[in-house]
Amino acid sequence: MTAIEQEIAALSETALGEVPQAASPEELEALRVKYLGRKGSLTKVLRGLKDLDPDLRRQVGAQANRVKESLETALAHAHIGLKEAAARAAA
């Protein structure tokens, strides 16, 4: 495993570990920006792909895209969970 692949794996583990700890939609948005925003951690990794050789770029790019999709899904599910919890609390 290359250094960039290890970086992506560590970033995934950290990000996915932080999502369930978010207690409000604002915290979820802050996490989204932190990892997926224009200056986000994963975005920086994706920008660095251009410097890799084509074979490695394909492999690392696929890994980074899987992480991005799983993080987006986790954020969406957490957001829905917070909305449902708020609705139950209001009822």
Protein backbone atom coordinates (compact mmCIF):
# COMPACT_ATOMS: atom_id res chain seq x y z
CA MET A 1 0.00 0.00 0.00
CA THR A 2 1.41 3.36 -1.01
CA ALA A 3 1.63 6.38 1.27
CA ILE A 4 -1.26 8.11 -0.48
CA GLU A 5 -3.43 4.99 -0.16
CA GLN A 6 -2.63 4.85 3.55
CA GLU A 7 -3.49 8.54 3.84
CA ILE A 8 -6.85 7.95 2.17
CA ALA A 9 -7.59 4.95 4.41
CA ALA A 10 -6.72 6.92 7.55
CA LEU A 11 -8.78 9.88 6.37
CA SER A 12 -11.74 7.59 5.75
CA GLU A 13 -11.49 6.01 9.18
CA THR A 14 -11.26 9.39 10.89
CA ALA A 15 -14.06 11.00 8.90
CA LEU A 16 -16.46 8.09 9.24
CA GLY A 17 -15.71 7.99 12.96
CA GLU A 18 -16.61 11.65 13.38
CA VAL A 19 -19.96 11.53 11.57
CA PRO A 20 -21.91 9.63 14.27
CA GLN A 21 -20.62 12.06 16.89
CA ALA A 22 -22.22 15.06 15.18
CA ALA A 23 -25.11 16.32 17.28
CA SER A 24 -26.59 18.88 14.88
CA PRO A 25 -27.00 19.57 11.17
CA GLU A 26 -24.47 22.38 11.56
CA GLU A 27 -21.86 19.94 12.85
CA LEU A 28 -22.56 17.62 9.93
CA GLU A 29 -22.11 20.51 7.51
CA ALA A 30 -18.82 21.41 9.18
CA LEU A 31 -17.64 17.83 8.69
CA ARG A 32 -18.73 17.89 5.06
CA VAL A 33 -16.73 21.05 4.46
CA LYS A 34 -13.74 19.72 6.43
CA TYR A 35 -13.45 16.61 4.27
CA LEU A 36 -15.30 17.30 1.01
CA GLY A 37 -15.23 21.08 0.66
CA ARG A 38 -13.01 23.01 -1.77
CA LYS A 39 -10.16 23.04 0.73
CA GLY A 40 -11.16 19.75 2.36
CA SER A 41 -8.81 16.91 3.21
CA LEU A 42 -10.14 14.47 0.62
CA THR A 43 -10.30 17.17 -2.03
CA LYS A 44 -6.59 17.88 -1.51
CA VAL A 45 -5.82 14.19 -2.00
CA LEU A 46 -7.89 14.10 -5.20
CA ARG A 47 -6.01 17.12 -6.55
CA GLY A 48 -2.73 15.31 -5.92
CA LEU A 49 -3.73 12.45 -8.23
CA LYS A 50 -2.46 14.34 -11.26
CA ASP A 51 1.10 13.81 -10.07
CA LEU A 52 0.80 10.00 -9.98
CA ASP A 53 1.61 7.64 -12.84
CA PRO A 54 -1.51 6.56 -14.78
CA ASP A 55 -1.81 3.03 -13.34
CA LEU A 56 -1.47 4.19 -9.76
CA ARG A 57 -3.75 7.16 -10.46
CA ARG A 58 -6.56 4.80 -11.53
CA GLN A 59 -6.17 2.67 -8.41
CA VAL A 60 -5.88 5.54 -5.95
CA GLY A 61 -8.61 7.53 -7.69
CA ALA A 62 -11.02 4.62 -7.37
CA GLN A 63 -10.19 4.27 -3.67
CA ALA A 64 -10.64 8.00 -3.10
CA ASN A 65 -13.98 7.98 -4.91
CA ARG A 66 -15.22 5.06 -2.80
CA VAL A 67 -14.26 6.97 0.35
CA LYS A 68 -15.97 10.10 -0.94
CA GLU A 69 -19.17 8.20 -1.71
CA SER A 70 -19.22 6.42 1.64
CA LEU A 71 -18.65 9.70 3.47
CA GLU A 72 -21.42 11.42 1.51
CA THR A 73 -23.76 8.52 2.30
CA ALA A 74 -22.85 8.54 6.00
CA LEU A 75 -23.45 12.30 6.18
CA ALA A 76 -26.83 11.96 4.45
CA HIS A 77 -27.94 9.13 6.75
CA ALA A 78 -26.80 11.07 9.83
CA HIS A 79 -28.66 14.15 8.63
CA ILE A 80 -31.85 12.12 8.18
CA GLY A 81 -31.37 10.58 11.62
CA LEU A 82 -31.02 14.00 13.22
CA LYS A 83 -34.16 15.25 11.45
CA GLU A 84 -36.14 12.21 12.59
CA ALA A 85 -34.89 12.61 16.16
CA ALA A 86 -35.89 16.26 16.13
CA ALA A 87 -39.34 15.38 14.78
CA ARG A 88 -39.84 12.74 17.50
CA ALA A 89 -38.73 15.21 20.17
CA ALA A 90 -41.18 17.82 18.88
CA ALA A 91 -44.08 15.38 18.80
